[in-house]
C-alpha atoms as a PDB file:
ATOM      1  CA  MET A   1      71.498 102.545 103.589  1.00  0.00           C
ATOM      2  CA  VAL A   2      72.377 100.105 100.641  1.00  0.00           C
ATOM      3  CA  GLU A   3      70.891 100.153  97.613  1.00  0.00           C
ATOM      4  CA  ILE A   4      70.883  97.004  95.043  1.00  0.00           C
ATOM      5  CA  ASN A   5      70.630  96.997  91.601  1.00  0.00           C
ATOM      6  CA  THR A   6      70.387  93.585  88.835  1.00  0.00           C
ATOM      7  CA  GLU A   7      71.114  93.490  85.751  1.00  0.00           C
ATOM      8  CA  GLN A   8      69.860  89.899  83.543  1.00  0.00           C
ATOM      9  CA  PHE A   9      72.558  89.178  81.232  1.00  0.00           C
ATOM     10  CA  LYS A  10      71.696  85.735  78.993  1.00  0.00           C
ATOM     11  CA  ARG A  11      74.647  83.355  81.021  1.00  0.00           C
ATOM     12  CA  ALA A  12      74.511  85.021  84.428  1.00  0.00           C
ATOM     13  CA  ASP A  13      72.829  87.982  86.476  1.00  0.00           C
ATOM     14  CA  LEU A  14      74.241  91.029  87.642  1.00  0.00           C
ATOM     15  CA  ILE A  15      74.361  91.946  90.955  1.00  0.00           C
ATOM     16  CA  GLU A  16      75.397  95.637  91.938  1.00  0.00           C
ATOM     17  CA  LEU A  17      75.808  97.168  95.164  1.00  0.00           C
ATOM     18  CA  ILE A  18      76.118 100.318  96.476  1.00  0.00           C
ATOM     19  CA  GLY A  19      76.770 101.864 100.079  1.00  0.00           C
ATOM     20  CA  ARG A  20      77.368 100.152 103.208  1.00  0.00           C
ATOM     21  CA  ILE A  21      75.659  96.271 104.250  1.00  0.00           C
ATOM     22  CA  ASP A  22      74.987  95.811 107.659  1.00  0.00           C
ATOM     23  CA  SER A  23      72.309  93.782 109.815  1.00  0.00           C
ATOM     24  CA  GLY A  24      69.981  96.366 109.300  1.00  0.00           C
ATOM     25  CA  ASN A  25      69.648  95.989 105.987  1.00  0.00           C
ATOM     26  CA  ALA A  26      71.696  92.527 104.924  1.00  0.00           C
ATOM     27  CA  SER A  27      68.166  90.623 104.690  1.00  0.00           C
ATOM     28  CA  GLU A  28      67.509  93.239 101.973  1.00  0.00           C
ATOM     29  CA  LEU A  29      69.967  90.874 100.530  1.00  0.00           C
ATOM     30  CA  GLU A  30      68.916  88.191 101.692  1.00  0.00           C
ATOM     31  CA  GLU A  31      65.531  89.023  99.436  1.00  0.00           C
ATOM     32  CA  THR A  32      67.384  89.397  96.001  1.00  0.00           C
ATOM     33  CA  PHE A  33      69.032  86.468  96.392  1.00  0.00           C
ATOM     34  CA  GLN A  34      65.867  84.862  96.985  1.00  0.00           C
ATOM     35  CA  GLY A  35      63.909  86.681  94.782  1.00  0.00           C
ATOM     36  CA  LEU A  36      66.804  85.317  91.433  1.00  0.00           C
ATOM     37  CA  ALA A  37      66.910  81.108  92.797  1.00  0.00           C
ATOM     38  CA  ASN A  38      62.937  81.927  92.806  1.00  0.00           C
ATOM     39  CA  ASP A  39      62.882  83.049  89.500  1.00  0.00           C
ATOM     40  CA  GLY A  40      65.345  79.322  88.692  1.00  0.00           C
ATOM     41  CA  ARG A  41      68.315  81.608  88.122  1.00  0.00           C
ATOM     42  CA  TYR A  42      71.966  80.041  89.861  1.00  0.00           C
ATOM     43  CA  ASN A  43      74.651  81.715  87.522  1.00  0.00           C
ATOM     44  CA  LEU A  44      74.752  85.266  89.481  1.00  0.00           C
ATOM     45  CA  VAL A  45      77.783  87.982  89.869  1.00  0.00           C
ATOM     46  CA  LEU A  46      77.909  90.186  92.754  1.00  0.00           C
ATOM     47  CA  GLU A  47      79.369  93.237  91.137  1.00  0.00           C
ATOM     48  CA  LEU A  48      81.152  94.822  94.891  1.00  0.00           C
ATOM     49  CA  SER A  49      83.019  98.133  93.766  1.00  0.00           C
ATOM     50  CA  GLY A  50      80.368 100.228  95.557  1.00  0.00           C
ATOM     51  CA  VAL A  51      80.599  98.661  98.883  1.00  0.00           C
ATOM     52  CA  ASP A  52      82.860 100.621 101.302  1.00  0.00           C
ATOM     53  CA  TYR A  53      80.545  98.162 104.355  1.00  0.00           C
ATOM     54  CA  MET A  54      79.795  94.964 104.984  1.00  0.00           C
ATOM     55  CA  SER A  55      79.363  93.187 107.901  1.00  0.00           C
ATOM     56  CA  SER A  56      79.125  89.404 109.691  1.00  0.00           C
ATOM     57  CA  ALA A  57      75.115  89.731 108.297  1.00  0.00           C
ATOM     58  CA  GLY A  58      76.363  90.305 105.296  1.00  0.00           C
ATOM     59  CA  LEU A  59      78.600  88.003 104.344  1.00  0.00           C
ATOM     60  CA  ARG A  60      76.359  85.206 105.684  1.00  0.00           C
ATOM     61  CA  ALA A  61      73.242  86.333 103.473  1.00  0.00           C
ATOM     62  CA  MET A  62      76.676  86.425 100.578  1.00  0.00           C
ATOM     63  CA  VAL A  63      77.568  82.591 101.594  1.00  0.00           C
ATOM     64  CA  ALA A  64      74.181  81.363 102.251  1.00  0.00           C
ATOM     65  CA  ALA A  65      72.643  81.791  98.116  1.00  0.00           C
ATOM     66  CA  LEU A  66      76.721  80.843  97.031  1.00  0.00           C
ATOM     67  CA  ARG A  67      75.134  77.169  98.877  1.00  0.00           C
ATOM     68  CA  GLU A  68      72.253  77.806  96.467  1.00  0.00           C
ATOM     69  CA  CYS A  69      73.358  78.570  93.538  1.00  0.00           C
ATOM     70  CA  LYS A  70      76.608  75.603  93.969  1.00  0.00           C
ATOM     71  CA  LYS A  71      73.173  73.098  94.705  1.00  0.00           C
ATOM     72  CA  HIS A  72      71.547  73.683  91.610  1.00  0.00           C
ATOM     73  CA  ARG A  73      74.982  73.367  90.088  1.00  0.00           C
ATOM     74  CA  GLY A  74      75.345  77.230  89.339  1.00  0.00           C
ATOM     75  CA  ASP A  75      78.109  80.011  91.060  1.00  0.00           C
ATOM     76  CA  LEU A  76      77.548  83.282  92.752  1.00  0.00           C
ATOM     77  CA  ARG A  77      81.354  84.618  91.823  1.00  0.00           C
ATOM     78  CA  LEU A  78      82.325  88.227  92.846  1.00  0.00           C
ATOM     79  CA  ALA A  79      83.309  91.402  90.551  1.00  0.00           C
ATOM     80  CA  SER A  80      85.964  94.044  90.763  1.00  0.00           C
ATOM     81  CA  PRO A  81      85.382  94.926  95.207  1.00  0.00           C
ATOM     82  CA  SER A  82      86.747  97.864  96.559  1.00  0.00           C
ATOM     83  CA  GLU A  83      89.943  97.430  98.720  1.00  0.00           C
ATOM     84  CA  ARG A  84      87.718  97.639 102.776  1.00  0.00           C
ATOM     85  CA  MET A  85      85.729  95.206 100.717  1.00  0.00           C
ATOM     86  CA  GLN A  86      88.532  92.522  99.501  1.00  0.00           C
ATOM     87  CA  GLU A  87      90.269  92.846 103.086  1.00  0.00           C
ATOM     88  CA  VAL A  88      86.735  92.159 104.928  1.00  0.00           C
ATOM     89  CA  LEU A  89      86.250  88.873 102.351  1.00  0.00           C
ATOM     90  CA  ASP A  90      90.105  88.114 103.248  1.00  0.00           C
ATOM     91  CA  LEU A  91      89.845  88.851 107.369  1.00  0.00           C
ATOM     92  CA  ALA A  92      87.138  86.519 106.482  1.00  0.00           C
ATOM     93  CA  GLY A  93      88.913  83.990 104.583  1.00  0.00           C
ATOM     94  CA  LEU A  94      85.869  84.466 101.538  1.00  0.00           C
ATOM     95  CA  ASP A  95      88.284  84.691  99.241  1.00  0.00           C
ATOM     96  CA  THR A  96      89.338  81.276  98.896  1.00  0.00           C
ATOM     97  CA  VAL A  97      86.054  80.846  99.069  1.00  0.00           C
ATOM     98  CA  PHE A  98      84.405  82.238  96.311  1.00  0.00           C
ATOM     99  CA  SER A  99      86.051  83.129  92.326  1.00  0.00           C
ATOM    100  CA  ILE A 100      87.571  87.595  92.433  1.00  0.00           C
ATOM    101  CA  TYR A 101      86.723  89.938  88.848  1.00  0.00           C
ATOM    102  CA  ASP A 102      88.420  92.688  88.179  1.00  0.00           C
ATOM    103  CA  GLU A 103      85.777  93.550  86.301  1.00  0.00           C
ATOM    104  CA  ALA A 104      82.192  92.385  86.669  1.00  0.00           C
ATOM    105  CA  THR A 105      82.283  91.638  82.348  1.00  0.00           C
ATOM    106  CA  ALA A 106      84.465  88.852  83.186  1.00  0.00           C
ATOM    107  CA  ALA A 107      83.071  87.295  85.836  1.00  0.00           C
ATOM    108  CA  VAL A 108      79.298  87.438  84.033  1.00  0.00           C
ATOM    109  CA  GLY A 109      81.793  85.940  80.716  1.00  0.00           C
ATOM    110  CA  SER A 110      82.836  83.301  82.836  1.00  0.00           C
ATOM    111  CA  PHE A 111      79.724  81.305  82.964  1.00  0.00           C
END
């Protein structure tokens, strides 16, 4: 079960994830990214403090969204990953692919 909340700011969109992201609901995350891309929103911040589990399907959705953002001169930045989420990013080698910020405000302000 995952809860996805989006909030639009002047320079970026904040996407807050709460819960577990697995192969059963990673498509919801993909749809969120796709909806923002359809609206021409390519500066995205993913707030991960409420995520206690993410499968490879969720990571794939994040990487695909990052590629799409970069294609349009945007970026997908991560904010306040939970300890568990930070471990997953480190193990997958994604800690060097994404810009990671301690808090959402700093990540949104970085655009």
